[in-house]
Amino acid sequence: MNGSVRKLSQLPLGNRGIVSHLTADGPVRRRLLDLGLVEGAKVEVIRRSLAGDPTAYLIKGAVIALRKEEADHVYIK
């Protein structure tokens, strides 16, 4: 992690990041927050499907799956 901010969907497999901010609104934002994607949360990319979407992430001890369109709303550093 070099301090640069990028989309969660761009984080390579096996890498970690810290949530910087979300760009989603409405129900999508609420879902992401409910899943633990709050500012300062640590996120690790643990698995991608064979087709590349969805991707599994480890967040606060729980494994969640997000599609690229959802992960594009999460910015990490």
PDB file of N, CA and C in Angstrom:
ATOM      1  N   MET A   1       0.845  -1.176   0.000  1.00  0.00           N
ATOM      2  CA  MET A   1       0.000   0.000   0.000  1.00  0.00           C
ATOM      3  C   MET A   1       0.886   1.233   0.000  1.00  0.00           C
ATOM      4  N   ASN A   2       0.716   2.089  -1.001  1.00  0.00           N
ATOM      5  CA  ASN A   2       1.584   3.242  -1.097  1.00  0.00           C
ATOM      6  C   ASN A   2       0.888   4.551  -0.773  1.00  0.00           C
ATOM      7  N   GLY A   3      -0.340   4.522  -0.277  1.00  0.00           N
ATOM      8  CA  GLY A   3      -1.043   5.737   0.090  1.00  0.00           C
ATOM      9  C   GLY A   3      -1.916   6.308  -1.009  1.00  0.00           C
ATOM     10  N   SER A   4      -1.803   5.797  -2.234  1.00  0.00           N
ATOM     11  CA  SER A   4      -2.649   6.303  -3.309  1.00  0.00           C
ATOM     12  C   SER A   4      -4.068   5.757  -3.141  1.00  0.00           C
ATOM     13  N   VAL A   5      -5.031   6.521  -3.622  1.00  0.00           N
ATOM     14  CA  VAL A   5      -6.432   6.126  -3.508  1.00  0.00           C
ATOM     15  C   VAL A   5      -6.881   5.560  -4.849  1.00  0.00           C
ATOM     16  N   ARG A   6      -7.549   4.394  -4.793  1.00  0.00           N
ATOM     17  CA  ARG A   6      -8.089   3.772  -6.002  1.00  0.00           C
ATOM     18  C   ARG A   6      -9.344   2.985  -5.659  1.00  0.00           C
ATOM     19  N   LYS A   7     -10.033   2.549  -6.697  1.00  0.00           N
ATOM     20  CA  LYS A   7     -11.263   1.788  -6.502  1.00  0.00           C
ATOM     21  C   LYS A   7     -10.943   0.413  -5.935  1.00  0.00           C
ATOM     22  N   LEU A   8     -11.818  -0.082  -5.092  1.00  0.00           N
ATOM     23  CA  LEU A   8     -11.653  -1.419  -4.523  1.00  0.00           C
ATOM     24  C   LEU A   8     -11.585  -2.465  -5.633  1.00  0.00           C
ATOM     25  N   SER A   9     -12.325  -2.280  -6.696  1.00  0.00           N
ATOM     26  CA  SER A   9     -12.329  -3.242  -7.801  1.00  0.00           C
ATOM     27  C   SER A   9     -10.974  -3.343  -8.492  1.00  0.00           C
ATOM     28  N   GLN A  10     -10.100  -2.360  -8.306  1.00  0.00           N
ATOM     29  CA  GLN A  10      -8.780  -2.353  -8.934  1.00  0.00           C
ATOM     30  C   GLN A  10      -7.699  -2.973  -8.047  1.00  0.00           C
ATOM     31  N   LEU A  11      -8.047  -3.334  -6.831  1.00  0.00           N
ATOM     32  CA  LEU A  11      -7.074  -3.920  -5.912  1.00  0.00           C
ATOM     33  C   LEU A  11      -6.766  -5.351  -6.336  1.00  0.00           C
ATOM     34  N   PRO A  12      -5.485  -5.681  -6.537  1.00  0.00           N
ATOM     35  CA  PRO A  12      -5.120  -7.033  -6.979  1.00  0.00           C
ATOM     36  C   PRO A  12      -5.423  -8.107  -5.922  1.00  0.00           C
ATOM     37  N   LEU A  13      -5.620  -9.315  -6.394  1.00  0.00           N
ATOM     38  CA  LEU A  13      -5.875 -10.473  -5.546  1.00  0.00           C
ATOM     39  C   LEU A  13      -4.771 -10.608  -4.501  1.00  0.00           C
ATOM     40  N   GLY A  14      -5.154 -10.811  -3.247  1.00  0.00           N
ATOM     41  CA  GLY A  14      -4.199 -10.983  -2.163  1.00  0.00           C
ATOM     42  C   GLY A  14      -3.752  -9.688  -1.508  1.00  0.00           C
ATOM     43  N   ASN A  15      -4.101  -8.544  -2.081  1.00  0.00           N
ATOM     44  CA  ASN A  15      -3.707  -7.263  -1.511  1.00  0.00           C
ATOM     45  C   ASN A  15      -4.731  -6.741  -0.523  1.00  0.00           C
ATOM     46  N   ARG A  16      -4.289  -5.787   0.276  1.00  0.00           N
ATOM     47  CA  ARG A  16      -5.140  -5.181   1.301  1.00  0.00           C
ATOM     48  C   ARG A  16      -5.195  -3.687   1.112  1.00  0.00           C
ATOM     49  N   GLY A  17      -6.245  -3.103   1.647  1.00  0.00           N
ATOM     50  CA  GLY A  17      -6.390  -1.655   1.618  1.00  0.00           C
ATOM     51  C   GLY A  17      -7.260  -1.207   2.770  1.00  0.00           C
ATOM     52  N   ILE A  18      -7.349   0.098   2.922  1.00  0.00           N
ATOM     53  CA  ILE A  18      -8.180   0.702   3.965  1.00  0.00           C
ATOM     54  C   ILE A  18      -9.198   1.589   3.273  1.00  0.00           C
ATOM     55  N   VAL A  19     -10.464   1.457   3.662  1.00  0.00           N
ATOM     56  CA  VAL A  19     -11.525   2.233   3.031  1.00  0.00           C
ATOM     57  C   VAL A  19     -11.290   3.718   3.280  1.00  0.00           C
ATOM     58  N   SER A  20     -11.264   4.471   2.197  1.00  0.00           N
ATOM     59  CA  SER A  20     -11.094   5.921   2.252  1.00  0.00           C
ATOM     60  C   SER A  20     -12.457   6.618   2.234  1.00  0.00           C
ATOM     61  N   HIS A  21     -13.280   6.279   1.231  1.00  0.00           N
ATOM     62  CA  HIS A  21     -14.610   6.863   1.124  1.00  0.00           C
ATOM     63  C   HIS A  21     -15.464   6.071   0.131  1.00  0.00           C
ATOM     64  N   LEU A  22     -16.772   6.356   0.149  1.00  0.00           N
ATOM     65  CA  LEU A  22     -17.728   5.737  -0.769  1.00  0.00           C
ATOM     66  C   LEU A  22     -18.312   6.810  -1.676  1.00  0.00           C
ATOM     67  N   THR A  23     -18.637   6.437  -2.902  1.00  0.00           N
ATOM     68  CA  THR A  23     -19.280   7.382  -3.821  1.00  0.00           C
ATOM     69  C   THR A  23     -20.727   7.001  -4.109  1.00  0.00           C
ATOM     70  N   ALA A  24     -21.197   5.913  -3.557  1.00  0.00           N
ATOM     71  CA  ALA A  24     -22.568   5.443  -3.804  1.00  0.00           C
ATOM     72  C   ALA A  24     -23.575   6.259  -3.009  1.00  0.00           C
ATOM     73  N   ASP A  25     -24.800   6.268  -3.497  1.00  0.00           N
ATOM     74  CA  ASP A  25     -25.920   6.923  -2.817  1.00  0.00           C
ATOM     75  C   ASP A  25     -27.043   5.916  -2.617  1.00  0.00           C
ATOM     76  N   GLY A  26     -28.006   6.290  -1.806  1.00  0.00           N
ATOM     77  CA  GLY A  26     -29.225   5.517  -1.640  1.00  0.00           C
ATOM     78  C   GLY A  26     -29.005   4.109  -1.110  1.00  0.00           C
ATOM     79  N   PRO A  27     -29.787   3.142  -1.614  1.00  0.00           N
ATOM     80  CA  PRO A  27     -29.725   1.770  -1.111  1.00  0.00           C
ATOM     81  C   PRO A  27     -28.357   1.112  -1.291  1.00  0.00           C
ATOM     82  N   VAL A  28     -27.651   1.445  -2.345  1.00  0.00           N
ATOM     83  CA  VAL A  28     -26.327   0.846  -2.563  1.00  0.00           C
ATOM     84  C   VAL A  28     -25.372   1.305  -1.469  1.00  0.00           C
ATOM     85  N   ARG A  29     -25.406   2.588  -1.142  1.00  0.00           N
ATOM     86  CA  ARG A  29     -24.558   3.118  -0.066  1.00  0.00           C
ATOM     87  C   ARG A  29     -24.899   2.437   1.254  1.00  0.00           C
ATOM     88  N   ARG A  30     -26.185   2.310   1.547  1.00  0.00           N
ATOM     89  CA  ARG A  30     -26.629   1.687   2.796  1.00  0.00           C
ATOM     90  C   ARG A  30     -26.125   0.250   2.871  1.00  0.00           C
ATOM     91  N   ARG A  31     -26.219  -0.495   1.762  1.00  0.00           N
ATOM     92  CA  ARG A  31     -25.758  -1.894   1.735  1.00  0.00           C
ATOM     93  C   ARG A  31     -24.261  -1.973   2.005  1.00  0.00           C
ATOM     94  N   LEU A  32     -23.493  -1.127   1.348  1.00  0.00           N
ATOM     95  CA  LEU A  32     -22.041  -1.139   1.536  1.00  0.00           C
ATOM     96  C   LEU A  32     -21.675  -0.821   2.983  1.00  0.00           C
ATOM     97  N   LEU A  33     -22.354   0.160   3.555  1.00  0.00           N
ATOM     98  CA  LEU A  33     -22.102   0.513   4.964  1.00  0.00           C
ATOM     99  C   LEU A  33     -22.489  -0.639   5.883  1.00  0.00           C
ATOM    100  N   ASP A  34     -23.633  -1.270   5.605  1.00  0.00           N
ATOM    101  CA  ASP A  34     -24.091  -2.404   6.418  1.00  0.00           C
ATOM    102  C   ASP A  34     -23.117  -3.579   6.344  1.00  0.00           C
ATOM    103  N   LEU A  35     -22.423  -3.727   5.225  1.00  0.00           N
ATOM    104  CA  LEU A  35     -21.444  -4.803   5.065  1.00  0.00           C
ATOM    105  C   LEU A  35     -20.118  -4.496   5.758  1.00  0.00           C
ATOM    106  N   GLY A  36     -19.995  -3.297   6.324  1.00  0.00           N
ATOM    107  CA  GLY A  36     -18.789  -2.939   7.062  1.00  0.00           C
ATOM    108  C   GLY A  36     -17.807  -2.083   6.293  1.00  0.00           C
ATOM    109  N   LEU A  37     -18.192  -1.629   5.122  1.00  0.00           N
ATOM    110  CA  LEU A  37     -17.300  -0.796   4.313  1.00  0.00           C
ATOM    111  C   LEU A  37     -17.406   0.656   4.747  1.00  0.00           C
ATOM    112  N   VAL A  38     -16.926   0.923   5.930  1.00  0.00           N
ATOM    113  CA  VAL A  38     -16.927   2.262   6.507  1.00  0.00           C
ATOM    114  C   VAL A  38     -15.501   2.808   6.474  1.00  0.00           C
ATOM    115  N   GLU A  39     -15.370   4.107   6.553  1.00  0.00           N
ATOM    116  CA  GLU A  39     -14.056   4.731   6.525  1.00  0.00           C
ATOM    117  C   GLU A  39     -13.138   4.117   7.582  1.00  0.00           C
ATOM    118  N   GLY A  40     -11.950   3.721   7.164  1.00  0.00           N
ATOM    119  CA  GLY A  40     -10.965   3.131   8.071  1.00  0.00           C
ATOM    120  C   GLY A  40     -11.001   1.615   8.159  1.00  0.00           C
ATOM    121  N   ALA A  41     -12.017   0.979   7.560  1.00  0.00           N
ATOM    122  CA  ALA A  41     -12.116  -0.485   7.605  1.00  0.00           C
ATOM    123  C   ALA A  41     -11.041  -1.114   6.713  1.00  0.00           C
ATOM    124  N   LYS A  42     -10.437  -2.198   7.198  1.00  0.00           N
ATOM    125  CA  LYS A  42      -9.437  -2.931   6.427  1.00  0.00           C
ATOM    126  C   LYS A  42     -10.141  -3.945   5.536  1.00  0.00           C
ATOM    127  N   VAL A  43      -9.686  -4.017   4.281  1.00  0.00           N
ATOM    128  CA  VAL A  43     -10.288  -4.905   3.289  1.00  0.00           C
ATOM    129  C   VAL A  43      -9.179  -5.688   2.602  1.00  0.00           C
ATOM    130  N   GLU A  44      -9.413  -6.998   2.411  1.00  0.00           N
ATOM    131  CA  GLU A  44      -8.460  -7.836   1.684  1.00  0.00           C
ATOM    132  C   GLU A  44      -9.188  -8.567   0.567  1.00  0.00           C
ATOM    133  N   VAL A  45      -8.583  -8.597  -0.608  1.00  0.00           N
ATOM    134  CA  VAL A  45      -9.146  -9.337  -1.748  1.00  0.00           C
ATOM    135  C   VAL A  45      -8.713 -10.790  -1.589  1.00  0.00           C
ATOM    136  N   ILE A  46      -9.677 -11.707  -1.428  1.00  0.00           N
ATOM    137  CA  ILE A  46      -9.296 -13.099  -1.171  1.00  0.00           C
ATOM    138  C   ILE A  46      -9.603 -14.051  -2.328  1.00  0.00           C
ATOM    139  N   ARG A  47     -10.534 -13.701  -3.207  1.00  0.00           N
ATOM    140  CA  ARG A  47     -10.851 -14.616  -4.308  1.00  0.00           C
ATOM    141  C   ARG A  47     -11.664 -13.900  -5.380  1.00  0.00           C
ATOM    142  N   ARG A  48     -11.405 -14.256  -6.618  1.00  0.00           N
ATOM    143  CA  ARG A  48     -12.208 -13.769  -7.741  1.00  0.00           C
ATOM    144  C   ARG A  48     -12.837 -14.981  -8.414  1.00  0.00           C
ATOM    145  N   SER A  49     -14.049 -14.815  -8.913  1.00  0.00           N
ATOM    146  CA  SER A  49     -14.679 -15.920  -9.643  1.00  0.00           C
ATOM    147  C   SER A  49     -13.920 -16.138 -10.945  1.00  0.00           C
ATOM    148  N   LEU A  50     -14.133 -17.266 -11.572  1.00  0.00           N
ATOM    149  CA  LEU A  50     -13.448 -17.566 -12.825  1.00  0.00           C
ATOM    150  C   LEU A  50     -13.717 -16.509 -13.889  1.00  0.00           C
ATOM    151  N   ALA A  51     -14.913 -15.960 -13.891  1.00  0.00           N
ATOM    152  CA  ALA A  51     -15.269 -14.926 -14.857  1.00  0.00           C
ATOM    153  C   ALA A  51     -14.771 -13.545 -14.416  1.00  0.00           C
ATOM    154  N   GLY A  52     -14.274 -13.446 -13.179  1.00  0.00           N
ATOM    155  CA  GLY A  52     -13.753 -12.177 -12.674  1.00  0.00           C
ATOM    156  C   GLY A  52     -14.761 -11.340 -11.920  1.00  0.00           C
ATOM    157  N   ASP A  53     -16.006 -11.787 -11.854  1.00  0.00           N
ATOM    158  CA  ASP A  53     -17.048 -11.027 -11.165  1.00  0.00           C
ATOM    159  C   ASP A  53     -18.094 -12.001 -10.660  1.00  0.00           C
ATOM    160  N   PRO A  54     -18.401 -12.065  -9.384  1.00  0.00           N
ATOM    161  CA  PRO A  54     -18.001 -11.161  -8.299  1.00  0.00           C
ATOM    162  C   PRO A  54     -16.630 -11.509  -7.714  1.00  0.00           C
ATOM    163  N   THR A  55     -16.229 -10.688  -6.766  1.00  0.00           N
ATOM    164  CA  THR A  55     -14.977 -10.878  -6.042  1.00  0.00           C
ATOM    165  C   THR A  55     -15.293 -10.999  -4.554  1.00  0.00           C
ATOM    166  N   ALA A  56     -14.579 -11.889  -3.866  1.00  0.00           N
ATOM    167  CA  ALA A  56     -14.759 -12.071  -2.421  1.00  0.00           C
ATOM    168  C   ALA A  56     -13.735 -11.228  -1.676  1.00  0.00           C
ATOM    169  N   TYR A  57     -14.210 -10.554  -0.645  1.00  0.00           N
ATOM    170  CA  TYR A  57     -13.369  -9.683   0.177  1.00  0.00           C
ATOM    171  C   TYR A  57     -13.513 -10.078   1.641  1.00  0.00           C
ATOM    172  N   LEU A  58     -12.439  -9.941   2.392  1.00  0.00           N
ATOM    173  CA  LEU A  58     -12.460 -10.161   3.835  1.00  0.00           C
ATOM    174  C   LEU A  58     -12.544  -8.792   4.495  1.00  0.00           C
ATOM    175  N   ILE A  59     -13.635  -8.584   5.239  1.00  0.00           N
ATOM    176  CA  ILE A  59     -13.871  -7.308   5.908  1.00  0.00           C
ATOM    177  C   ILE A  59     -14.316  -7.596   7.335  1.00  0.00           C
ATOM    178  N   LYS A  60     -13.546  -7.123   8.296  1.00  0.00           N
ATOM    179  CA  LYS A  60     -13.882  -7.279   9.711  1.00  0.00           C
ATOM    180  C   LYS A  60     -14.200  -8.727  10.059  1.00  0.00           C
ATOM    181  N   GLY A  61     -13.426  -9.668   9.532  1.00  0.00           N
ATOM    182  CA  GLY A  61     -13.591 -11.080   9.849  1.00  0.00           C
ATOM    183  C   GLY A  61     -14.676 -11.799   9.072  1.00  0.00           C
ATOM    184  N   ALA A  62     -15.373 -11.097   8.205  1.00  0.00           N
ATOM    185  CA  ALA A  62     -16.432 -11.705   7.405  1.00  0.00           C
ATOM    186  C   ALA A  62     -16.047 -11.675   5.929  1.00  0.00           C
ATOM    187  N   VAL A  63     -16.434 -12.705   5.203  1.00  0.00           N
ATOM    188  CA  VAL A  63     -16.192 -12.748   3.767  1.00  0.00           C
ATOM    189  C   VAL A  63     -17.466 -12.287   3.068  1.00  0.00           C
ATOM    190  N   ILE A  64     -17.318 -11.275   2.202  1.00  0.00           N
ATOM    191  CA  ILE A  64     -18.459 -10.785   1.429  1.00  0.00           C
ATOM    192  C   ILE A  64     -18.098 -10.823  -0.051  1.00  0.00           C
ATOM    193  N   ALA A  65     -19.099 -10.912  -0.887  1.00  0.00           N
ATOM    194  CA  ALA A  65     -18.888 -10.891  -2.334  1.00  0.00           C
ATOM    195  C   ALA A  65     -19.520  -9.621  -2.889  1.00  0.00           C
ATOM    196  N   LEU A  66     -18.766  -8.926  -3.723  1.00  0.00           N
ATOM    197  CA  LEU A  66     -19.268  -7.720  -4.374  1.00  0.00           C
ATOM    198  C   LEU A  66     -19.048  -7.827  -5.875  1.00  0.00           C
ATOM    199  N   ARG A  67     -20.000  -7.357  -6.621  1.00  0.00           N
ATOM    200  CA  ARG A  67     -19.827  -7.239  -8.058  1.00  0.00           C
ATOM    201  C   ARG A  67     -18.979  -6.006  -8.342  1.00  0.00           C
ATOM    202  N   LYS A  68     -18.369  -5.965  -9.510  1.00  0.00           N
ATOM    203  CA  LYS A  68     -17.494  -4.853  -9.874  1.00  0.00           C
ATOM    204  C   LYS A  68     -18.226  -3.520  -9.776  1.00  0.00           C
ATOM    205  N   GLU A  69     -19.481  -3.480 -10.213  1.00  0.00           N
ATOM    206  CA  GLU A  69     -20.242  -2.224 -10.183  1.00  0.00           C
ATOM    207  C   GLU A  69     -20.422  -1.711  -8.763  1.00  0.00           C
ATOM    208  N   GLU A  70     -20.464  -2.587  -7.778  1.00  0.00           N
ATOM    209  CA  GLU A  70     -20.559  -2.165  -6.372  1.00  0.00           C
ATOM    210  C   GLU A  70     -19.182  -1.754  -5.849  1.00  0.00           C
ATOM    211  N   ALA A  71     -18.168  -2.569  -6.155  1.00  0.00           N
ATOM    212  CA  ALA A  71     -16.810  -2.287  -5.674  1.00  0.00           C
ATOM    213  C   ALA A  71     -16.260  -0.999  -6.279  1.00  0.00           C
ATOM    214  N   ASP A  72     -16.785  -0.578  -7.430  1.00  0.00           N
ATOM    215  CA  ASP A  72     -16.356   0.680  -8.043  1.00  0.00           C
ATOM    216  C   ASP A  72     -16.737   1.899  -7.202  1.00  0.00           C
ATOM    217  N   HIS A  73     -17.679   1.738  -6.290  1.00  0.00           N
ATOM    218  CA  HIS A  73     -18.118   2.847  -5.430  1.00  0.00           C
ATOM    219  C   HIS A  73     -17.278   2.959  -4.152  1.00  0.00           C
ATOM    220  N   VAL A  74     -16.389   2.001  -3.927  1.00  0.00           N
ATOM    221  CA  VAL A  74     -15.572   1.981  -2.712  1.00  0.00           C
ATOM    222  C   VAL A  74     -14.143   2.389  -3.075  1.00  0.00           C
ATOM    223  N   TYR A  75     -13.648   3.421  -2.429  1.00  0.00           N
ATOM    224  CA  TYR A  75     -12.270   3.862  -2.671  1.00  0.00           C
ATOM    225  C   TYR A  75     -11.408   3.490  -1.483  1.00  0.00           C
ATOM    226  N   ILE A  76     -10.245   2.932  -1.787  1.00  0.00           N
ATOM    227  CA  ILE A  76      -9.336   2.462  -0.740  1.00  0.00           C
ATOM    228  C   ILE A  76      -7.981   3.123  -0.900  1.00  0.00           C
ATOM    229  N   LYS A  77      -7.245   3.116   0.191  1.00  0.00           N
ATOM    230  CA  LYS A  77      -5.868   3.632   0.159  1.00  0.00           C
ATOM    231  C   LYS A  77      -4.934   2.601   0.709  1.00  0.00           C
TER     232      LYS A  77
END
